[in-house]
Amino acid sequence: MNDAQGFLTAEELANPPAHILREEAAIEPDPAPTIATKETQIIAIYGKGGIGKSFTLANLSYMMAQQGKKVLLIGCDPKSDTTSLLFGGRACPTIIETSTKKKLAGDQVAIGDVCFKRDGVFAMELGGPEVGRGCGGRGIIHGFELLEKLGFHEWGFDYVLLDFLGDVVCGGFGLPIARDMCQKVIVVGSNDLQSLYVANNVCSAVEYFHKLGGNVGVGGLVINKDDGTGEAQAFAKAAGIPILASIPADDDIRRKSANYEIIGRPEGRWGALFAELAANVAGAKPHRPAPLTQDDLLGLFSGESVGRDVVLEPATLQDMCGGTLTQKPSLEVVYEAI
């Protein structure tokens, strides 16, 4: 090395001394630039109409927001009542209705026209056609097309919760399952046959599309209005899905829900329940369900509840005609073989 100038000689450049190599190896490289990414969990919630999906989702989304999560709640039910509890009984302008009005006026839909917020929860309603004037499922598809134009896939939410009508899992209502638009499905049910029938239908849809190559699974079951009779727990066990929470059939919950009062507050009486639900929903793994047959589903209930002792008696044509059956000559023309 040329000590006077501190440079390596030509010979040293060709064969660097060991101490030079050690010094170079000890130098930490500059950190590589990284791009912050956020994995958004998109979760579709299904359940029988009136079972309490909107109640559950309003309180769940509120609790998640209080825990520091960025949450978007989207109502995908033509009734457009998902966000009413969140906003104290006030109805949001729906995306479909707003889009129609804006289009007639020659304007574009903006985020502020359809998305509203409360205490950290962002919410919107897709909406649907008026009764008898269109297909609700098609309205859902149209609503998601508008969401994509508004930049849905670029939004930076931790959770997007989709409230879907569970009585129908075809067309637009089955969109998240059929097109892998969500990572997992959660069903809301109770200890009654009709709500578990709907939950089982949703499990059947998930299993059907899984066989076709789909990736959506069932995250679990939320039991609402749990009266302790155990049918919903038995269904979850038979279908191979976990129970995420059991919300009791309590008069305090019923009264506050009817008054559009949020009970999923960390400091409230029911705060621990919804905090547990939020944690379970966030950590739930997608399960491949095992849908029950109709007989197995009925088997969860007592014979008195479902009329299992009834015998199927075949009807006759005479029964259908309401009296004595008169044999009329046939008008069929029979050709003799030549």
C-alpha atoms as a PDB file:
ATOM      1  CA  MET A   1       0.000   0.000   0.000  1.00  0.00           C
ATOM      2  CA  ASN A   2       1.168   3.519  -0.750  1.00  0.00           C
ATOM      3  CA  ASP A   3       1.030   4.835   2.829  1.00  0.00           C
ATOM      4  CA  ALA A   4       1.607   8.404   1.758  1.00  0.00           C
ATOM      5  CA  GLN A   5      -1.552   8.528  -0.299  1.00  0.00           C
ATOM      6  CA  GLY A   6      -3.513   5.665   1.307  1.00  0.00           C
ATOM      7  CA  PHE A   7      -4.072   3.862  -2.001  1.00  0.00           C
ATOM      8  CA  LEU A   8      -3.574   0.193  -2.804  1.00  0.00           C
ATOM      9  CA  THR A   9      -0.816  -0.696  -5.236  1.00  0.00           C
ATOM     10  CA  ALA A  10      -1.616  -2.561  -8.453  1.00  0.00           C
ATOM     11  CA  GLU A  11      -0.358  -5.803  -6.898  1.00  0.00           C
ATOM     12  CA  GLU A  12      -2.510  -5.286  -3.791  1.00  0.00           C
ATOM     13  CA  LEU A  13      -5.578  -4.565  -5.936  1.00  0.00           C
ATOM     14  CA  ALA A  14      -5.083  -7.879  -7.708  1.00  0.00           C
ATOM     15  CA  ASN A  15      -4.514  -9.760  -4.420  1.00  0.00           C
ATOM     16  CA  PRO A  16      -5.928  -7.726  -1.496  1.00  0.00           C
ATOM     17  CA  PRO A  17      -4.332  -8.401   1.893  1.00  0.00           C
ATOM     18  CA  ALA A  18      -6.375 -10.393   4.414  1.00  0.00           C
ATOM     19  CA  HIS A  19      -6.914  -7.430   6.744  1.00  0.00           C
ATOM     20  CA  ILE A  20      -8.367  -5.396   3.861  1.00  0.00           C
ATOM     21  CA  LEU A  21     -10.847  -8.178   3.057  1.00  0.00           C
ATOM     22  CA  ARG A  22     -11.863  -8.436   6.721  1.00  0.00           C
ATOM     23  CA  GLU A  23     -12.452  -4.680   6.917  1.00  0.00           C
ATOM     24  CA  GLU A  24     -14.628  -4.728   3.800  1.00  0.00           C
ATOM     25  CA  ALA A  25     -16.625  -7.706   5.078  1.00  0.00           C
ATOM     26  CA  ALA A  26     -17.341  -5.858   8.327  1.00  0.00           C
ATOM     27  CA  ILE A  27     -19.007  -2.959   6.519  1.00  0.00           C
ATOM     28  CA  GLU A  28     -22.821  -3.209   6.800  1.00  0.00           C
ATOM     29  CA  PRO A  29     -24.621  -2.736   3.482  1.00  0.00           C
ATOM     30  CA  ASP A  30     -27.060   0.129   3.061  1.00  0.00           C
ATOM     31  CA  PRO A  31     -30.587  -1.003   3.946  1.00  0.00           C
ATOM     32  CA  ALA A  32     -32.633  -1.955   0.899  1.00  0.00           C
ATOM     33  CA  PRO A  33     -35.636   0.294   0.368  1.00  0.00           C
ATOM     34  CA  THR A  34     -38.883  -1.375   1.421  1.00  0.00           C
ATOM     35  CA  ILE A  35     -42.465  -0.652   0.486  1.00  0.00           C
ATOM     36  CA  ALA A  36     -44.944  -0.786   3.345  1.00  0.00           C
ATOM     37  CA  THR A  37     -47.764  -3.177   2.522  1.00  0.00           C
ATOM     38  CA  LYS A  38     -51.028  -3.828   4.329  1.00  0.00           C
ATOM     39  CA  GLU A  39     -52.860  -7.116   4.117  1.00  0.00           C
ATOM     40  CA  THR A  40     -56.570  -6.337   4.119  1.00  0.00           C
ATOM     41  CA  GLN A  41     -58.861  -9.017   5.465  1.00  0.00           C
ATOM     42  CA  ILE A  42     -62.087  -9.053   3.471  1.00  0.00           C
ATOM     43  CA  ILE A  43     -64.726 -11.004   5.372  1.00  0.00           C
ATOM     44  CA  ALA A  44     -68.244 -11.782   4.139  1.00  0.00           C
ATOM     45  CA  ILE A  45     -70.881 -12.291   6.814  1.00  0.00           C
ATOM     46  CA  TYR A  46     -74.003 -14.284   5.962  1.00  0.00           C
ATOM     47  CA  GLY A  47     -77.125 -15.130   7.911  1.00  0.00           C
ATOM     48  CA  LYS A  48     -80.881 -15.449   7.779  1.00  0.00           C
ATOM     49  CA  GLY A  49     -82.788 -12.187   7.516  1.00  0.00           C
ATOM     50  CA  GLY A  50     -83.582 -10.874  10.984  1.00  0.00           C
ATOM     51  CA  ILE A  51     -81.043 -13.077  12.763  1.00  0.00           C
ATOM     52  CA  GLY A  52     -78.952 -10.086  13.836  1.00  0.00           C
ATOM     53  CA  LYS A  53     -76.173  -9.736  11.244  1.00  0.00           C
ATOM     54  CA  SER A  54     -76.397  -5.960  11.162  1.00  0.00           C
ATOM     55  CA  PHE A  55     -76.463  -5.775  14.966  1.00  0.00           C
ATOM     56  CA  THR A  56     -73.440  -8.059  15.206  1.00  0.00           C
ATOM     57  CA  LEU A  57     -71.487  -6.261  12.487  1.00  0.00           C
ATOM     58  CA  ALA A  58     -72.182  -2.750  13.761  1.00  0.00           C
ATOM     59  CA  ASN A  59     -70.867  -3.649  17.207  1.00  0.00           C
ATOM     60  CA  LEU A  60     -67.998  -5.756  15.859  1.00  0.00           C
ATOM     61  CA  SER A  61     -66.790  -3.002  13.517  1.00  0.00           C
ATOM     62  CA  TYR A  62     -67.093  -0.412  16.293  1.00  0.00           C
ATOM     63  CA  MET A  63     -65.024  -2.548  18.669  1.00  0.00           C
ATOM     64  CA  MET A  64     -62.357  -3.149  16.016  1.00  0.00           C
ATOM     65  CA  ALA A  65     -62.083   0.591  15.399  1.00  0.00           C
ATOM     66  CA  GLN A  66     -61.707   1.240  19.135  1.00  0.00           C
ATOM     67  CA  GLN A  67     -58.855  -1.275  19.113  1.00  0.00           C
ATOM     68  CA  GLY A  68     -57.035   0.879  16.567  1.00  0.00           C
ATOM     69  CA  LYS A  69     -58.005  -0.981  13.406  1.00  0.00           C
ATOM     70  CA  LYS A  70     -59.126   0.719  10.223  1.00  0.00           C
ATOM     71  CA  VAL A  71     -62.478  -0.849   9.355  1.00  0.00           C
ATOM     72  CA  LEU A  72     -64.858  -0.519   6.422  1.00  0.00           C
ATOM     73  CA  LEU A  73     -68.390  -1.877   6.801  1.00  0.00           C
ATOM     74  CA  ILE A  74     -70.326  -2.434   3.563  1.00  0.00           C
ATOM     75  CA  GLY A  75     -74.009  -3.310   3.559  1.00  0.00           C
ATOM     76  CA  CYS A  76     -74.789  -5.714   0.710  1.00  0.00           C
ATOM     77  CA  ASP A  77     -78.456  -6.251   1.486  1.00  0.00           C
ATOM     78  CA  PRO A  78     -81.200  -4.589  -0.610  1.00  0.00           C
ATOM     79  CA  LYS A  79     -82.887  -3.560   2.667  1.00  0.00           C
ATOM     80  CA  SER A  80     -79.939  -1.175   3.156  1.00  0.00           C
ATOM     81  CA  ASP A  81     -80.167  -1.368   6.938  1.00  0.00           C
ATOM     82  CA  THR A  82     -76.651  -2.574   7.787  1.00  0.00           C
ATOM     83  CA  THR A  83     -75.385   0.832   8.859  1.00  0.00           C
ATOM     84  CA  SER A  84     -78.542   2.153  10.520  1.00  0.00           C
ATOM     85  CA  LEU A  85     -77.528   0.939  13.991  1.00  0.00           C
ATOM     86  CA  LEU A  86     -74.037   2.363  13.558  1.00  0.00           C
ATOM     87  CA  PHE A  87     -75.463   5.788  12.684  1.00  0.00           C
ATOM     88  CA  GLY A  88     -78.142   5.880  15.364  1.00  0.00           C
ATOM     89  CA  GLY A  89     -81.047   4.947  13.123  1.00  0.00           C
ATOM     90  CA  ARG A  90     -80.113   7.186  10.199  1.00  0.00           C
ATOM     91  CA  ALA A  91     -80.040   5.695   6.714  1.00  0.00           C
ATOM     92  CA  CYS A  92     -77.043   6.161   4.418  1.00  0.00           C
ATOM     93  CA  PRO A  93     -77.534   7.186   0.790  1.00  0.00           C
ATOM     94  CA  THR A  94     -76.893   3.972  -1.124  1.00  0.00           C
ATOM     95  CA  ILE A  95     -74.265   3.616  -3.825  1.00  0.00           C
ATOM     96  CA  ILE A  96     -76.768   2.459  -6.447  1.00  0.00           C
ATOM     97  CA  GLU A  97     -79.276   5.226  -5.691  1.00  0.00           C
ATOM     98  CA  THR A  98     -76.570   7.897  -5.626  1.00  0.00           C
ATOM     99  CA  SER A  99     -75.011   6.592  -8.826  1.00  0.00           C
ATOM    100  CA  THR A 100     -78.348   6.768 -10.629  1.00  0.00           C
ATOM    101  CA  LYS A 101     -78.980  10.362  -9.539  1.00  0.00           C
ATOM    102  CA  LYS A 102     -75.443  11.460 -10.391  1.00  0.00           C
ATOM    103  CA  LYS A 103     -75.616   9.826 -13.802  1.00  0.00           C
ATOM    104  CA  LEU A 104     -78.869  11.613 -14.628  1.00  0.00           C
ATOM    105  CA  ALA A 105     -77.254  14.901 -13.586  1.00  0.00           C
ATOM    106  CA  GLY A 106     -74.103  14.185 -15.602  1.00  0.00           C
ATOM    107  CA  ASP A 107     -71.906  13.998 -12.491  1.00  0.00           C
ATOM    108  CA  GLN A 108     -69.479  11.432 -11.094  1.00  0.00           C
ATOM    109  CA  VAL A 109     -69.878   9.674  -7.746  1.00  0.00           C
ATOM    110  CA  ALA A 110     -67.313  10.786  -5.150  1.00  0.00           C
ATOM    111  CA  ILE A 111     -66.264   8.958  -1.977  1.00  0.00           C
ATOM    112  CA  GLY A 112     -67.952  11.546   0.221  1.00  0.00           C
ATOM    113  CA  ASP A 113     -71.273  10.937  -1.528  1.00  0.00           C
ATOM    114  CA  VAL A 114     -71.527   7.320  -0.389  1.00  0.00           C
ATOM    115  CA  CYS A 115     -69.049   6.656   2.440  1.00  0.00           C
ATOM    116  CA  PHE A 116     -69.572   7.979   5.961  1.00  0.00           C
ATOM    117  CA  LYS A 117     -67.755   7.485   9.250  1.00  0.00           C
ATOM    118  CA  ARG A 118     -68.302   7.363  12.975  1.00  0.00           C
ATOM    119  CA  ASP A 119     -65.636   6.995  15.661  1.00  0.00           C
ATOM    120  CA  GLY A 120     -63.176   5.407  13.254  1.00  0.00           C
ATOM    121  CA  VAL A 121     -65.616   3.116  11.429  1.00  0.00           C
ATOM    122  CA  PHE A 122     -66.165   3.792   7.717  1.00  0.00           C
ATOM    123  CA  ALA A 123     -69.460   2.543   6.305  1.00  0.00           C
ATOM    124  CA  MET A 124     -71.504   2.460   3.119  1.00  0.00           C
ATOM    125  CA  GLU A 125     -74.543   0.728   1.642  1.00  0.00           C
ATOM    126  CA  LEU A 126     -74.634  -0.828  -1.821  1.00  0.00           C
ATOM    127  CA  GLY A 127     -78.430  -0.738  -1.931  1.00  0.00           C
ATOM    128  CA  GLY A 128     -80.672  -2.394  -4.485  1.00  0.00           C
ATOM    129  CA  PRO A 129     -83.650  -1.906  -6.786  1.00  0.00           C
ATOM    130  CA  GLU A 130     -87.100  -0.979  -5.582  1.00  0.00           C
ATOM    131  CA  VAL A 131     -89.418  -3.870  -4.823  1.00  0.00           C
ATOM    132  CA  GLY A 132     -90.585  -5.583  -8.001  1.00  0.00           C
ATOM    133  CA  ARG A 133     -88.377  -3.447 -10.249  1.00  0.00           C
ATOM    134  CA  GLY A 134     -85.205  -5.431 -10.654  1.00  0.00           C
ATOM    135  CA  CYS A 135     -82.864  -8.144  -9.451  1.00  0.00           C
ATOM    136  CA  GLY A 136     -81.294  -7.630  -6.031  1.00  0.00           C
ATOM    137  CA  GLY A 137     -78.360  -9.868  -6.916  1.00  0.00           C
ATOM    138  CA  ARG A 138     -77.669  -7.894 -10.074  1.00  0.00           C
ATOM    139  CA  GLY A 139     -77.761  -4.732  -7.977  1.00  0.00           C
ATOM    140  CA  ILE A 140     -74.993  -6.143  -5.780  1.00  0.00           C
ATOM    141  CA  ILE A 141     -72.847  -6.871  -8.846  1.00  0.00           C
ATOM    142  CA  HIS A 142     -73.423  -3.335 -10.135  1.00  0.00           C
ATOM    143  CA  GLY A 143     -72.545  -1.932  -6.723  1.00  0.00           C
ATOM    144  CA  PHE A 144     -69.192  -3.718  -6.646  1.00  0.00           C
ATOM    145  CA  GLU A 145     -68.429  -2.500 -10.151  1.00  0.00           C
ATOM    146  CA  LEU A 146     -68.904   1.051  -8.876  1.00  0.00           C
ATOM    147  CA  LEU A 147     -66.703   0.331  -5.851  1.00  0.00           C
ATOM    148  CA  GLU A 148     -63.892  -0.758  -8.157  1.00  0.00           C
ATOM    149  CA  LYS A 149     -64.204   2.499 -10.086  1.00  0.00           C
ATOM    150  CA  LEU A 150     -63.877   4.358  -6.779  1.00  0.00           C
ATOM    151  CA  GLY A 151     -60.585   2.553  -6.105  1.00  0.00           C
ATOM    152  CA  PHE A 152     -61.758  -0.225  -3.785  1.00  0.00           C
ATOM    153  CA  HIS A 153     -58.601  -2.307  -4.301  1.00  0.00           C
ATOM    154  CA  GLU A 154     -56.325   0.606  -3.385  1.00  0.00           C
ATOM    155  CA  TRP A 155     -57.992   1.470  -0.084  1.00  0.00           C
ATOM    156  CA  GLY A 156     -55.818   0.792   2.953  1.00  0.00           C
ATOM    157  CA  PHE A 157     -58.156  -0.882   5.434  1.00  0.00           C
ATOM    158  CA  ASP A 158     -57.260  -3.562   7.950  1.00  0.00           C
ATOM    159  CA  TYR A 159     -60.710  -5.132   7.659  1.00  0.00           C
ATOM    160  CA  VAL A 160     -63.535  -4.896   5.148  1.00  0.00           C
ATOM    161  CA  LEU A 161     -66.733  -6.464   6.485  1.00  0.00           C
ATOM    162  CA  LEU A 162     -69.438  -7.346   3.952  1.00  0.00           C
ATOM    163  CA  ASP A 163     -72.981  -7.849   5.253  1.00  0.00           C
ATOM    164  CA  PHE A 164     -74.756 -10.258   2.891  1.00  0.00           C
ATOM    165  CA  LEU A 165     -78.262 -11.630   2.781  1.00  0.00           C
ATOM    166  CA  GLY A 166     -77.837 -15.295   3.648  1.00  0.00           C
ATOM    167  CA  ASP A 167     -81.236 -16.565   2.541  1.00  0.00           C
ATOM    168  CA  VAL A 168     -80.004 -16.371  -1.066  1.00  0.00           C
ATOM    169  CA  VAL A 169     -76.508 -17.509  -2.032  1.00  0.00           C
ATOM    170  CA  CYS A 170     -76.877 -17.252  -5.800  1.00  0.00           C
ATOM    171  CA  GLY A 171     -76.056 -14.487  -8.254  1.00  0.00           C
ATOM    172  CA  GLY A 172     -74.698 -11.316  -6.710  1.00  0.00           C
ATOM    173  CA  PHE A 173     -75.301 -12.531  -3.171  1.00  0.00           C
ATOM    174  CA  GLY A 174     -72.886 -15.414  -3.732  1.00  0.00           C
ATOM    175  CA  LEU A 175     -70.284 -13.160  -5.360  1.00  0.00           C
ATOM    176  CA  PRO A 176     -67.665 -13.234  -2.553  1.00  0.00           C
ATOM    177  CA  ILE A 177     -67.756 -17.043  -2.464  1.00  0.00           C
ATOM    178  CA  ALA A 178     -67.975 -17.680  -6.203  1.00  0.00           C
ATOM    179  CA  ARG A 179     -65.256 -15.210  -7.206  1.00  0.00           C
ATOM    180  CA  ASP A 180     -62.886 -15.449  -4.221  1.00  0.00           C
ATOM    181  CA  MET A 181     -63.599 -11.825  -3.318  1.00  0.00           C
ATOM    182  CA  CYS A 182     -63.027 -12.522   0.368  1.00  0.00           C
ATOM    183  CA  GLN A 183     -60.661 -14.664   2.393  1.00  0.00           C
ATOM    184  CA  LYS A 184     -63.315 -16.153   4.628  1.00  0.00           C
ATOM    185  CA  VAL A 185     -67.004 -16.301   5.400  1.00  0.00           C
ATOM    186  CA  ILE A 186     -68.638 -15.968   8.801  1.00  0.00           C
ATOM    187  CA  VAL A 187     -72.182 -17.151   9.434  1.00  0.00           C
ATOM    188  CA  VAL A 188     -74.560 -15.780  12.055  1.00  0.00           C
ATOM    189  CA  GLY A 189     -77.189 -18.143  13.398  1.00  0.00           C
ATOM    190  CA  SER A 190     -79.223 -19.071  16.426  1.00  0.00           C
ATOM    191  CA  ASN A 191     -80.793 -22.135  18.004  1.00  0.00           C
ATOM    192  CA  ASP A 192     -83.614 -22.322  15.480  1.00  0.00           C
ATOM    193  CA  LEU A 193     -84.035 -24.471  12.410  1.00  0.00           C
ATOM    194  CA  GLN A 194     -84.442 -21.690   9.847  1.00  0.00           C
ATOM    195  CA  SER A 195     -81.264 -19.791  10.735  1.00  0.00           C
ATOM    196  CA  LEU A 196     -79.231 -23.006  10.801  1.00  0.00           C
ATOM    197  CA  TYR A 197     -80.791 -24.051   7.495  1.00  0.00           C
ATOM    198  CA  VAL A 198     -79.444 -20.819   5.988  1.00  0.00           C
ATOM    199  CA  ALA A 199     -76.052 -21.317   7.662  1.00  0.00           C
ATOM    200  CA  ASN A 200     -75.916 -24.826   6.227  1.00  0.00           C
ATOM    201  CA  ASN A 201     -76.766 -23.490   2.754  1.00  0.00           C
ATOM    202  CA  VAL A 202     -73.866 -21.055   2.982  1.00  0.00           C
ATOM    203  CA  CYS A 203     -71.563 -23.910   3.995  1.00  0.00           C
ATOM    204  CA  SER A 204     -72.844 -25.895   1.004  1.00  0.00           C
ATOM    205  CA  ALA A 205     -72.052 -22.994  -1.329  1.00  0.00           C
ATOM    206  CA  VAL A 206     -68.533 -22.677   0.096  1.00  0.00           C
ATOM    207  CA  GLU A 207     -67.933 -26.405  -0.337  1.00  0.00           C
ATOM    208  CA  TYR A 208     -69.344 -26.378  -3.882  1.00  0.00           C
ATOM    209  CA  PHE A 209     -67.041 -23.605  -5.071  1.00  0.00           C
ATOM    210  CA  HIS A 210     -64.116 -25.148  -3.207  1.00  0.00           C
ATOM    211  CA  LYS A 211     -64.525 -28.242  -5.378  1.00  0.00           C
ATOM    212  CA  LEU A 212     -64.376 -25.953  -8.421  1.00  0.00           C
ATOM    213  CA  GLY A 213     -61.050 -24.524  -7.281  1.00  0.00           C
ATOM    214  CA  GLY A 214     -62.214 -21.747  -4.958  1.00  0.00           C
ATOM    215  CA  ASN A 215     -60.223 -20.704  -1.905  1.00  0.00           C
ATOM    216  CA  VAL A 216     -62.858 -19.186   0.380  1.00  0.00           C
ATOM    217  CA  GLY A 217     -63.444 -20.993   3.668  1.00  0.00           C
ATOM    218  CA  VAL A 218     -65.754 -20.593   6.642  1.00  0.00           C
ATOM    219  CA  GLY A 219     -64.130 -18.730   9.512  1.00  0.00           C
ATOM    220  CA  GLY A 220     -66.769 -19.755  12.012  1.00  0.00           C
ATOM    221  CA  LEU A 221     -70.230 -19.284  13.475  1.00  0.00           C
ATOM    222  CA  VAL A 222     -71.499 -16.428  15.637  1.00  0.00           C
ATOM    223  CA  ILE A 223     -74.443 -17.553  17.749  1.00  0.00           C
ATOM    224  CA  ASN A 224     -76.835 -14.674  18.328  1.00  0.00           C
ATOM    225  CA  LYS A 225     -79.771 -14.698  20.758  1.00  0.00           C
ATOM    226  CA  ASP A 226     -78.294 -17.789  22.386  1.00  0.00           C
ATOM    227  CA  ASP A 227     -80.875 -19.281  24.751  1.00  0.00           C
ATOM    228  CA  GLY A 228     -78.634 -22.166  25.765  1.00  0.00           C
ATOM    229  CA  THR A 229     -80.544 -24.991  24.067  1.00  0.00           C
ATOM    230  CA  GLY A 230     -77.421 -26.042  22.151  1.00  0.00           C
ATOM    231  CA  GLU A 231     -78.602 -26.656  18.584  1.00  0.00           C
ATOM    232  CA  ALA A 232     -76.240 -24.065  17.086  1.00  0.00           C
ATOM    233  CA  GLN A 233     -73.269 -25.534  18.962  1.00  0.00           C
ATOM    234  CA  ALA A 234     -74.214 -28.987  17.689  1.00  0.00           C
ATOM    235  CA  PHE A 235     -74.458 -27.667  14.129  1.00  0.00           C
ATOM    236  CA  ALA A 236     -71.014 -26.041  14.308  1.00  0.00           C
ATOM    237  CA  LYS A 237     -69.477 -29.258  15.609  1.00  0.00           C
ATOM    238  CA  ALA A 238     -71.139 -31.368  12.904  1.00  0.00           C
ATOM    239  CA  ALA A 239     -70.162 -28.923  10.131  1.00  0.00           C
ATOM    240  CA  GLY A 240     -66.575 -28.701  11.374  1.00  0.00           C
ATOM    241  CA  ILE A 241     -66.504 -24.951  11.976  1.00  0.00           C
ATOM    242  CA  PRO A 242     -65.539 -23.091  15.175  1.00  0.00           C
ATOM    243  CA  ILE A 243     -67.815 -20.937  17.305  1.00  0.00           C
ATOM    244  CA  LEU A 244     -66.475 -17.382  17.367  1.00  0.00           C
ATOM    245  CA  ALA A 245     -68.850 -16.009  20.010  1.00  0.00           C
ATOM    246  CA  SER A 246     -72.173 -16.670  21.702  1.00  0.00           C
ATOM    247  CA  ILE A 247     -74.243 -13.525  22.192  1.00  0.00           C
ATOM    248  CA  PRO A 248     -76.887 -14.273  24.828  1.00  0.00           C
ATOM    249  CA  ALA A 249     -80.607 -13.707  24.461  1.00  0.00           C
ATOM    250  CA  ASP A 250     -80.556 -10.864  26.960  1.00  0.00           C
ATOM    251  CA  ASP A 251     -83.226  -8.210  27.413  1.00  0.00           C
ATOM    252  CA  ASP A 252     -80.612  -5.478  27.851  1.00  0.00           C
ATOM    253  CA  ILE A 253     -79.120  -6.301  24.443  1.00  0.00           C
ATOM    254  CA  ARG A 254     -82.555  -6.462  22.817  1.00  0.00           C
ATOM    255  CA  ARG A 255     -83.637  -3.118  24.253  1.00  0.00           C
ATOM    256  CA  LYS A 256     -80.435  -1.267  23.361  1.00  0.00           C
ATOM    257  CA  SER A 257     -80.369  -2.728  19.865  1.00  0.00           C
ATOM    258  CA  ALA A 258     -83.967  -1.613  19.305  1.00  0.00           C
ATOM    259  CA  ASN A 259     -82.914   1.905  20.336  1.00  0.00           C
ATOM    260  CA  TYR A 260     -79.959   1.907  17.888  1.00  0.00           C
ATOM    261  CA  GLU A 261     -77.434   1.918  20.706  1.00  0.00           C
ATOM    262  CA  ILE A 262     -73.926   0.537  20.201  1.00  0.00           C
ATOM    263  CA  ILE A 263     -73.043  -1.952  22.942  1.00  0.00           C
ATOM    264  CA  GLY A 264     -69.637  -2.979  21.561  1.00  0.00           C
ATOM    265  CA  ARG A 265     -67.781  -0.351  23.580  1.00  0.00           C
ATOM    266  CA  PRO A 266     -64.608  -1.376  25.430  1.00  0.00           C
ATOM    267  CA  GLU A 267     -65.815   0.167  28.690  1.00  0.00           C
ATOM    268  CA  GLY A 268     -69.388  -1.159  28.481  1.00  0.00           C
ATOM    269  CA  ARG A 269     -71.077  -4.197  29.988  1.00  0.00           C
ATOM    270  CA  TRP A 270     -70.744  -6.160  26.740  1.00  0.00           C
ATOM    271  CA  GLY A 271     -67.319  -4.827  25.805  1.00  0.00           C
ATOM    272  CA  ALA A 272     -65.426  -7.998  26.750  1.00  0.00           C
ATOM    273  CA  LEU A 273     -67.779 -10.115  24.643  1.00  0.00           C
ATOM    274  CA  PHE A 274     -67.222  -8.066  21.494  1.00  0.00           C
ATOM    275  CA  ALA A 275     -63.497  -7.705  22.181  1.00  0.00           C
ATOM    276  CA  GLU A 276     -63.301 -11.505  22.213  1.00  0.00           C
ATOM    277  CA  LEU A 277     -65.382 -11.668  19.029  1.00  0.00           C
ATOM    278  CA  ALA A 278     -63.065  -9.153  17.327  1.00  0.00           C
ATOM    279  CA  ALA A 279     -60.002 -11.200  18.273  1.00  0.00           C
ATOM    280  CA  ASN A 280     -61.601 -14.454  17.125  1.00  0.00           C
ATOM    281  CA  VAL A 281     -62.759 -12.976  13.816  1.00  0.00           C
ATOM    282  CA  ALA A 282     -59.308 -11.538  13.130  1.00  0.00           C
ATOM    283  CA  GLY A 283     -57.547 -14.813  13.876  1.00  0.00           C
ATOM    284  CA  ALA A 284     -60.085 -17.232  12.411  1.00  0.00           C
ATOM    285  CA  LYS A 285     -58.648 -19.591   9.806  1.00  0.00           C
ATOM    286  CA  PRO A 286     -60.756 -20.459   6.752  1.00  0.00           C
ATOM    287  CA  HIS A 287     -62.203 -23.947   7.232  1.00  0.00           C
ATOM    288  CA  ARG A 288     -63.575 -26.262   4.601  1.00  0.00           C
ATOM    289  CA  PRO A 289     -67.023 -27.066   6.020  1.00  0.00           C
ATOM    290  CA  ALA A 290     -68.904 -30.355   5.992  1.00  0.00           C
ATOM    291  CA  PRO A 291     -72.499 -29.377   5.115  1.00  0.00           C
ATOM    292  CA  LEU A 292     -75.237 -31.427   6.749  1.00  0.00           C
ATOM    293  CA  THR A 293     -77.936 -33.324   4.907  1.00  0.00           C
ATOM    294  CA  GLN A 294     -81.514 -32.237   5.500  1.00  0.00           C
ATOM    295  CA  ASP A 295     -82.119 -35.229   7.758  1.00  0.00           C
ATOM    296  CA  ASP A 296     -78.949 -34.534   9.754  1.00  0.00           C
ATOM    297  CA  LEU A 297     -79.971 -30.907  10.154  1.00  0.00           C
ATOM    298  CA  LEU A 298     -83.417 -31.934  11.385  1.00  0.00           C
ATOM    299  CA  GLY A 299     -81.723 -34.411  13.685  1.00  0.00           C
ATOM    300  CA  LEU A 300     -80.275 -31.524  15.701  1.00  0.00           C
ATOM    301  CA  PHE A 301     -83.768 -30.747  16.967  1.00  0.00           C
ATOM    302  CA  SER A 302     -86.261 -32.720  18.992  1.00  0.00           C
ATOM    303  CA  GLY A 303     -89.062 -34.537  17.222  1.00  0.00           C
ATOM    304  CA  GLU A 304     -91.647 -32.205  18.731  1.00  0.00           C
ATOM    305  CA  SER A 305     -89.898 -29.190  17.207  1.00  0.00           C
ATOM    306  CA  VAL A 306     -89.721 -30.423  13.638  1.00  0.00           C
ATOM    307  CA  GLY A 307     -92.499 -33.011  13.378  1.00  0.00           C
ATOM    308  CA  ARG A 308     -90.155 -35.928  12.828  1.00  0.00           C
ATOM    309  CA  ASP A 309     -92.882 -38.466  13.646  1.00  0.00           C
ATOM    310  CA  VAL A 310     -94.954 -37.405  10.630  1.00  0.00           C
ATOM    311  CA  VAL A 311     -95.230 -40.111   7.951  1.00  0.00           C
ATOM    312  CA  LEU A 312     -95.149 -39.121   4.271  1.00  0.00           C
ATOM    313  CA  GLU A 313     -98.382 -40.376   2.705  1.00  0.00           C
ATOM    314  CA  PRO A 314     -98.343 -40.383  -1.125  1.00  0.00           C
ATOM    315  CA  ALA A 315    -101.204 -38.528  -2.802  1.00  0.00           C
ATOM    316  CA  THR A 316    -103.294 -40.080  -5.565  1.00  0.00           C
ATOM    317  CA  LEU A 317    -104.812 -38.623  -8.696  1.00  0.00           C
ATOM    318  CA  GLN A 318    -108.222 -39.139  -7.122  1.00  0.00           C
ATOM    319  CA  ASP A 319    -107.140 -36.959  -4.196  1.00  0.00           C
ATOM    320  CA  MET A 320    -106.086 -34.250  -6.616  1.00  0.00           C
ATOM    321  CA  CYS A 321    -109.387 -34.299  -8.514  1.00  0.00           C
ATOM    322  CA  GLY A 322    -111.419 -33.998  -5.335  1.00  0.00           C
ATOM    323  CA  GLY A 323    -113.774 -36.932  -5.797  1.00  0.00           C
ATOM    324  CA  THR A 324    -114.457 -40.001  -7.876  1.00  0.00           C
ATOM    325  CA  LEU A 325    -111.994 -40.382 -10.695  1.00  0.00           C
ATOM    326  CA  THR A 326    -113.642 -40.846 -14.095  1.00  0.00           C
ATOM    327  CA  GLN A 327    -111.620 -42.847 -16.557  1.00  0.00           C
ATOM    328  CA  LYS A 328    -111.773 -41.141 -19.937  1.00  0.00           C
ATOM    329  CA  PRO A 329    -110.904 -42.873 -23.177  1.00  0.00           C
ATOM    330  CA  SER A 330    -107.443 -42.116 -24.430  1.00  0.00           C
ATOM    331  CA  LEU A 331    -107.078 -39.887 -27.477  1.00  0.00           C
ATOM    332  CA  GLU A 332    -103.824 -41.574 -28.366  1.00  0.00           C
ATOM    333  CA  VAL A 333    -103.781 -42.968 -31.899  1.00  0.00           C
ATOM    334  CA  VAL A 334    -102.295 -46.440 -32.039  1.00  0.00           C
ATOM    335  CA  TYR A 335    -101.015 -47.585 -35.390  1.00  0.00           C
ATOM    336  CA  GLU A 336    -100.919 -51.281 -36.094  1.00  0.00           C
ATOM    337  CA  ALA A 337     -97.627 -52.640 -37.214  1.00  0.00           C
ATOM    338  CA  ILE A 338     -97.473 -53.457 -40.928  1.00  0.00           C
END
